[in-house]
Amino acid sequence: MKAFKYAVAASLIATAPLAAAQQLSIATGGTGGTYYPYGGGLAELINNHIEGASAVAEVTGASVENMGLVWRGDSDAALALADTVYQAYSGTGDFEGRQLENIRALASIYPNAVQLVTLADSDVHTLEDLRGKRVSVGAPGSGTELNARALLEANGISYDDFTPQRLNFNETADAIRDGDIEAGFWSVGPPTSSILNLATTRDIRLIGLSDEEIANAREAEPVFAAYNLRAGLYEGMDEAVRTISIPNVLAVSSEMDEEMAYEITRVLFEYTDELIAIHPAANDTTVEFSVESTPIAFHPGALRYYEEVGAEVADHQRPE
C-alpha cells in the first residue's frame, strides 16, 4: 500500500484542513496476536472519525520490523513493544549502530504480558525446565523474541541451552498442540486468540515466574514490570499466574503532519470504547497509562493533545 505522503506545504498545514483521501498504513503483527485486531480497530476509528483520512491494518513481523517500516516511510504508524521502540530511538540493543532518529510516539496503548505456555501434562514447570527442550521464542524480528531472550538471559539461560524455534503466534500454538515443541512464548495483550484457541483443543498450563526471576528481568530491562495474568483468562486456568509485562507503543515518524498526529491521538482516547468492543486490551488505553509508560519523545501533534487534556508529560517525552 502506498504510504502516506508527509511532504505538505507549510502554508497548507497552517491554513487548510486535512487533505482529502489521505491513505494511512498501520503496521501491526501476525493475525494470531493482539496487534492486528487492535490495529484494525484503530484503522476503523480513523476511517469513522477523521474526515478525509482512511487507514488499513497491515500484517507484519511485528515490533522490530515495524520500526524499519515507519523509519523508511513504508508504514505511517506502527505498534511495537516499548523496549524495541526505545532501542530504535536511541540506537541501542538490536539497533546499535543504526539509530532510527525519526521515530516518535503517539501513545502507549496497553501492556503486553509475557506468556509462557505448555501442555498441562508436560514436565515444564519453570524457566529452568526449558533447558534441553524445543521452545518457540517468537517470530524473527518480533517483540516476543526480544522479550523472551531478555527474560531468559537475565536468568542465566541462553539459546545454547535449548532448541529455539522462531514461530509466529499461530504456528507456536499449532506446534504445542501437535507435540512438535514443549513450550512457547507470547508477548502480547492478554487474552490472545491463538492461546484461546489452543486451550479449547488441548489442556494447557501457563508457567509463572518467581520474584527473583522477575527482579532479574527488570534489572536487565527497566521497561519490564510485574504483572498478574488473572485466573480464568484461558480455559482451565484456575489460578492467577505471575509474569512480566511491557508497554506497547503506537509509533510514527517525526515527519508525520502535526495535525494528523493530533487527530489520531485524539480519536484514540476519545473513542476508546469502540476499541474495547474489538479487543479487551484497549481497557488499558488511557491517557494516564500513556504518559506513565512511553519511553521516548511524543510527536508534537500528540504532545499538543496531552497538554490540552492537562496530562503531565515528562521531560524525556518532549521532542528536542
Protein backbone atom coordinates (compact mmCIF):
# COMPACT_ATOMS: atom_id res chain seq x y z
CA MET A 1 0.00 0.00 0.00
CA LYS A 2 1.24 3.40 -0.90
CA ALA A 3 2.47 5.09 2.26
CA PHE A 4 1.03 8.39 3.47
CA LYS A 5 2.99 11.25 1.97
CA TYR A 6 4.42 13.57 4.57
CA ALA A 7 5.51 16.40 2.31
CA VAL A 8 2.88 19.09 2.81
CA ALA A 9 3.47 22.77 2.23
CA ALA A 10 3.82 24.72 5.46
CA SER A 11 1.15 27.18 4.39
CA LEU A 12 -1.34 24.35 3.91
CA ILE A 13 -0.56 22.91 7.34
CA ALA A 14 -1.34 26.25 8.89
CA THR A 15 -4.49 27.15 6.95
CA ALA A 16 -6.13 24.06 5.46
CA PRO A 17 -7.98 21.05 6.86
CA LEU A 18 -6.55 17.59 6.37
CA ALA A 19 -6.24 16.77 2.69
CA ALA A 20 -8.86 14.51 1.18
CA ALA A 21 -8.36 10.77 0.95
CA GLN A 22 -5.11 10.52 2.87
CA GLN A 23 -4.23 6.83 2.95
CA LEU A 24 -2.63 5.50 6.13
CA SER A 25 -0.95 2.15 6.64
CA ILE A 26 -0.74 0.78 10.20
CA ALA A 27 1.92 -1.89 10.72
CA THR A 28 0.73 -4.46 13.26
CA GLY A 29 1.82 -8.10 13.66
CA GLY A 30 0.54 -11.61 12.94
CA THR A 31 -3.17 -12.43 12.82
CA GLY A 32 -2.92 -14.60 15.95
CA GLY A 33 -1.85 -11.78 18.27
CA THR A 34 -3.37 -8.57 19.61
CA TYR A 35 -1.63 -6.06 17.33
CA TYR A 36 -3.65 -6.99 14.24
CA PRO A 37 -7.17 -6.69 15.72
CA TYR A 38 -6.14 -3.63 17.74
CA GLY A 39 -4.60 -2.02 14.65
CA GLY A 40 -7.73 -2.87 12.69
CA GLY A 41 -9.80 -1.18 15.38
CA LEU A 42 -7.59 1.92 15.23
CA ALA A 43 -8.00 1.95 11.44
CA GLU A 44 -11.79 1.93 11.95
CA LEU A 45 -11.53 4.89 14.32
CA ILE A 46 -9.55 6.83 11.73
CA ASN A 47 -11.97 5.90 8.95
CA ASN A 48 -15.02 6.85 11.02
CA HIS A 49 -13.81 9.90 12.91
CA ILE A 50 -11.07 11.69 10.92
CA GLU A 51 -12.54 13.44 7.94
CA GLY A 52 -10.62 12.88 4.70
CA ALA A 53 -8.46 10.06 6.04
CA SER A 54 -8.63 6.31 5.58
CA ALA A 55 -6.47 3.62 7.14
CA VAL A 56 -5.82 -0.10 6.93
CA ALA A 57 -4.02 -2.52 9.27
CA GLU A 58 -1.18 -4.48 7.67
CA VAL A 59 0.07 -7.92 8.78
CA THR A 60 3.81 -7.74 9.59
CA GLY A 61 6.52 -9.50 11.58
CA ALA A 62 5.74 -7.10 14.46
CA SER A 63 7.92 -4.82 16.59
CA VAL A 64 11.44 -4.83 15.10
CA GLU A 65 10.23 -4.96 11.51
CA ASN A 66 7.66 -2.27 12.23
CA MET A 67 10.29 0.23 13.32
CA GLY A 68 12.02 -0.11 9.97
CA LEU A 69 8.72 0.26 8.12
CA VAL A 70 7.99 3.59 9.85
CA TRP A 71 11.57 4.81 9.52
CA ARG A 72 11.54 4.18 5.76
CA GLY A 73 8.05 5.63 5.30
CA ASP A 74 6.63 2.29 4.14
CA SER A 75 4.11 2.47 7.01
CA ASP A 76 2.63 5.58 8.59
CA ALA A 77 2.09 4.20 12.07
CA ALA A 78 3.14 1.03 13.86
CA LEU A 79 2.53 -0.91 17.02
CA ALA A 80 5.68 -2.06 18.81
CA LEU A 81 6.95 -3.04 22.22
CA ALA A 82 8.42 -0.26 24.35
CA ASP A 83 11.88 -1.81 24.57
CA THR A 84 12.05 -2.16 20.78
CA VAL A 85 10.88 1.42 20.30
CA TYR A 86 13.41 2.72 22.81
CA GLN A 87 16.26 0.75 21.23
CA ALA A 88 15.36 2.05 17.76
CA TYR A 89 15.05 5.62 19.04
CA SER A 90 18.34 5.52 20.97
CA GLY A 91 20.38 3.23 18.68
CA THR A 92 20.95 0.62 21.40
CA GLY A 93 20.41 -3.13 21.71
CA ASP A 94 19.28 -4.69 18.43
CA PHE A 95 19.56 -1.23 16.82
CA GLU A 96 23.13 -0.50 17.90
CA GLY A 97 24.85 1.34 15.07
CA ARG A 98 21.59 2.03 13.22
CA GLN A 99 19.70 4.58 15.26
CA LEU A 100 16.27 5.49 13.82
CA GLU A 101 16.24 9.13 14.89
CA ASN A 102 12.88 9.96 13.31
CA ILE A 103 10.82 7.58 15.49
CA ARG A 104 8.23 9.35 17.68
CA ALA A 105 5.35 8.14 19.85
CA LEU A 106 1.68 8.97 19.73
CA ALA A 107 0.84 6.88 22.79
CA SER A 108 1.48 3.82 24.89
CA ILE A 109 -1.72 1.86 24.40
CA TYR A 110 -1.72 -1.25 26.65
CA PRO A 111 0.75 -3.61 28.30
CA ASN A 112 1.90 -6.87 26.77
CA ALA A 113 2.20 -9.80 29.11
CA VAL A 114 4.94 -12.36 28.55
CA GLN A 115 3.02 -15.65 28.48
CA LEU A 116 4.92 -18.93 28.56
CA VAL A 117 2.61 -21.79 27.60
CA THR A 118 2.98 -25.56 27.71
CA LEU A 119 0.60 -28.53 27.79
CA ALA A 120 -0.88 -29.34 31.17
CA ASP A 121 0.79 -32.76 31.29
CA SER A 122 4.29 -31.57 30.29
CA ASP A 123 7.27 -31.63 32.64
CA VAL A 124 7.94 -27.91 32.07
CA HIS A 125 7.02 -26.03 35.25
CA THR A 126 9.69 -23.29 35.45
CA LEU A 127 12.10 -21.37 33.24
CA GLU A 128 14.84 -23.76 34.28
CA ASP A 129 12.81 -26.67 32.88
CA LEU A 130 13.21 -25.22 29.37
CA ARG A 131 16.79 -26.47 29.26
CA GLY A 132 17.14 -29.18 26.64
CA LYS A 133 13.64 -28.61 25.28
CA ARG A 134 12.23 -27.35 21.98
CA VAL A 135 10.82 -23.90 22.65
CA SER A 136 9.26 -21.26 20.41
CA VAL A 137 10.71 -17.83 21.16
CA GLY A 138 8.50 -15.93 18.71
CA ALA A 139 8.72 -14.88 15.08
CA PRO A 140 12.04 -13.50 13.80
CA GLY A 141 12.23 -9.76 14.43
CA SER A 142 9.26 -9.79 16.80
CA GLY A 143 8.99 -8.15 20.19
CA THR A 144 8.17 -11.57 21.60
CA GLU A 145 11.62 -12.82 20.70
CA LEU A 146 13.28 -9.73 22.18
CA ASN A 147 11.35 -10.15 25.42
CA ALA A 148 11.89 -13.91 25.64
CA ARG A 149 15.61 -13.58 25.05
CA ALA A 150 15.94 -10.76 27.60
CA LEU A 151 13.99 -12.72 30.22
CA LEU A 152 15.96 -15.90 29.65
CA GLU A 153 19.40 -14.30 29.52
CA ALA A 154 18.67 -12.25 32.65
CA ASN A 155 18.09 -15.59 34.37
CA GLY A 156 21.18 -17.36 33.04
CA ILE A 157 19.58 -19.24 30.14
CA SER A 158 20.84 -18.81 26.57
CA TYR A 159 19.69 -20.17 23.22
CA ASP A 160 22.50 -22.72 23.55
CA ASP A 161 20.64 -24.30 26.48
CA PHE A 162 17.59 -25.36 24.43
CA THR A 163 16.44 -25.69 20.83
CA PRO A 164 14.86 -22.35 19.85
CA GLN A 165 12.10 -22.29 17.26
CA ARG A 166 11.22 -18.91 15.71
CA LEU A 167 7.49 -19.31 15.14
CA ASN A 168 4.68 -16.78 15.00
CA PHE A 169 1.75 -16.98 17.41
CA ASN A 170 -0.45 -19.31 15.37
CA GLU A 171 2.50 -21.53 14.46
CA THR A 172 3.53 -21.71 18.12
CA ALA A 173 0.05 -22.76 19.19
CA ASP A 174 -0.10 -25.42 16.45
CA ALA A 175 3.35 -26.76 17.38
CA ILE A 176 2.43 -27.06 21.07
CA ARG A 177 -0.85 -28.76 20.18
CA ASP A 178 0.88 -31.25 17.87
CA GLY A 179 3.72 -32.00 20.29
CA ASP A 180 6.39 -30.56 17.99
CA ILE A 181 7.63 -28.25 20.77
CA GLU A 182 7.40 -28.41 24.54
CA ALA A 183 6.64 -24.75 25.25
CA GLY A 184 6.25 -21.36 23.59
CA PHE A 185 6.48 -17.66 24.41
CA TRP A 186 3.93 -14.99 23.63
CA SER A 187 4.45 -11.32 24.41
CA VAL A 188 1.00 -9.95 23.72
CA GLY A 189 -2.01 -8.28 25.29
CA PRO A 190 -4.00 -10.96 27.10
CA PRO A 191 -6.18 -12.74 26.23
CA THR A 192 -4.94 -13.56 22.74
CA SER A 193 -6.80 -15.60 20.15
CA SER A 194 -4.10 -18.16 19.41
CA ILE A 195 -3.83 -19.23 23.09
CA LEU A 196 -7.63 -19.13 23.47
CA ASN A 197 -7.97 -21.47 20.50
CA LEU A 198 -5.22 -23.78 21.77
CA ALA A 199 -6.93 -24.02 25.16
CA THR A 200 -10.14 -25.24 23.53
CA THR A 201 -8.39 -28.21 21.91
CA ARG A 202 -5.74 -29.16 24.49
CA ASP A 203 -5.33 -28.72 28.24
CA ILE A 204 -2.67 -26.05 28.74
CA ARG A 205 -0.68 -24.58 31.61
CA LEU A 206 0.86 -21.12 31.89
CA ILE A 207 4.25 -21.07 33.58
CA GLY A 208 4.71 -18.47 36.30
CA LEU A 209 7.86 -16.57 37.20
CA SER A 210 9.41 -16.31 40.64
CA ASP A 211 10.01 -12.97 42.35
CA GLU A 212 13.73 -13.46 41.73
CA GLU A 213 13.23 -14.14 38.02
CA ILE A 214 11.07 -11.03 37.70
CA ALA A 215 13.65 -8.93 39.57
CA ASN A 216 16.43 -10.23 37.31
CA ALA A 217 14.39 -9.36 34.22
CA ARG A 218 13.62 -5.86 35.48
CA GLU A 219 17.28 -5.22 36.25
CA ALA A 220 18.18 -6.16 32.66
CA GLU A 221 15.23 -4.32 31.06
CA PRO A 222 13.86 -1.47 33.22
CA VAL A 223 10.75 -1.21 30.99
CA PHE A 224 9.59 -4.60 32.34
CA ALA A 225 7.03 -4.61 35.17
CA ALA A 226 5.50 -7.39 37.27
CA TYR A 227 2.06 -8.47 36.04
CA ASN A 228 -0.60 -10.97 37.12
CA LEU A 229 -2.43 -12.99 34.47
CA ARG A 230 -5.85 -13.34 36.08
CA ALA A 231 -7.45 -16.67 36.89
CA GLY A 232 -9.88 -17.76 34.19
CA LEU A 233 -8.08 -15.86 31.47
CA TYR A 234 -7.88 -19.07 29.43
CA GLU A 235 -9.89 -22.27 29.69
CA GLY A 236 -8.59 -24.45 32.52
CA MET A 237 -6.58 -21.63 34.10
CA ASP A 238 -7.79 -21.86 37.69
CA GLU A 239 -5.24 -19.61 39.39
CA ALA A 240 -3.56 -16.30 38.62
CA VAL A 241 -0.07 -16.56 37.12
CA ARG A 242 2.75 -14.12 37.90
CA THR A 243 4.74 -12.85 34.92
CA ILE A 244 6.18 -9.63 33.47
CA SER A 245 4.65 -7.04 31.19
CA ILE A 246 5.89 -4.34 28.89
CA PRO A 247 4.03 -1.39 27.32
CA ASN A 248 3.07 -1.29 23.66
CA VAL A 249 3.69 1.96 21.82
CA LEU A 250 1.91 3.46 18.82
CA ALA A 251 4.82 4.96 16.88
CA VAL A 252 5.05 7.24 13.85
CA SER A 253 7.67 9.22 12.00
CA SER A 254 8.65 12.70 13.13
CA GLU A 255 7.76 13.71 9.56
CA MET A 256 4.05 12.92 10.02
CA ASP A 257 1.88 16.01 9.62
CA GLU A 258 1.27 17.53 13.06
CA GLU A 259 -2.48 17.83 12.54
CA MET A 260 -2.76 14.18 11.54
CA ALA A 261 -0.74 13.09 14.59
CA TYR A 262 -3.02 15.20 16.80
CA GLU A 263 -6.19 13.78 15.26
CA ILE A 264 -5.07 10.14 15.58
CA THR A 265 -4.15 10.71 19.23
CA ARG A 266 -7.47 12.46 19.88
CA VAL A 267 -9.67 9.73 18.39
CA LEU A 268 -7.61 7.03 20.11
CA PHE A 269 -8.56 8.39 23.54
CA GLU A 270 -11.98 9.87 22.77
CA TYR A 271 -13.39 6.71 21.16
CA THR A 272 -11.66 4.06 23.26
CA ASP A 273 -14.99 2.33 23.92
CA GLU A 274 -15.12 1.37 20.25
CA LEU A 275 -11.66 -0.22 20.54
CA ILE A 276 -12.67 -2.13 23.69
CA ALA A 277 -15.55 -3.66 21.74
CA ILE A 278 -12.95 -5.08 19.32
CA HIS A 279 -10.35 -6.24 21.86
CA PRO A 280 -10.34 -6.07 25.69
CA ALA A 281 -6.67 -4.99 25.73
CA ALA A 282 -7.97 -1.50 24.95
CA ASN A 283 -9.30 -1.29 28.52
CA ASP A 284 -5.76 -0.13 29.34
CA THR A 285 -5.73 2.55 26.62
CA THR A 286 -5.80 5.67 28.77
CA VAL A 287 -4.00 9.00 28.83
CA GLU A 288 -2.66 8.13 32.28
CA PHE A 289 -1.11 4.84 31.13
CA SER A 290 0.38 6.54 28.08
CA VAL A 291 2.20 9.32 29.88
CA GLU A 292 3.38 6.92 32.61
CA SER A 293 4.75 4.34 30.18
CA THR A 294 6.06 5.93 26.97
CA PRO A 295 9.90 5.73 26.88
CA ILE A 296 10.59 8.16 24.00
CA ALA A 297 9.57 11.61 22.80
CA PHE A 298 5.99 12.19 21.71
CA HIS A 299 5.26 13.59 18.27
CA PRO A 300 4.44 17.33 18.58
CA GLY A 301 0.87 16.64 17.45
CA ALA A 302 0.38 14.06 20.19
CA LEU A 303 2.05 16.33 22.73
CA ARG A 304 -0.46 19.05 21.87
CA TYR A 305 -3.31 16.70 22.71
CA TYR A 306 -1.79 15.67 26.06
CA GLU A 307 -1.26 19.30 27.01
CA GLU A 308 -4.85 20.14 26.05
CA VAL A 309 -6.22 17.48 28.41
CA GLY A 310 -3.88 18.51 31.23
CA ALA A 311 -1.67 15.41 31.29
CA GLU A 312 1.73 15.66 32.97
CA VAL A 313 4.37 14.89 30.36
CA ALA A 314 7.93 14.01 31.40
CA ASP A 315 10.96 15.83 30.04
CA HIS A 316 12.16 12.78 28.07
CA GLN A 317 8.79 12.67 26.31
CA ARG A 318 9.20 16.16 24.84
CA PRO A 319 10.89 16.40 21.44
CA GLU A 320 14.15 18.31 21.46
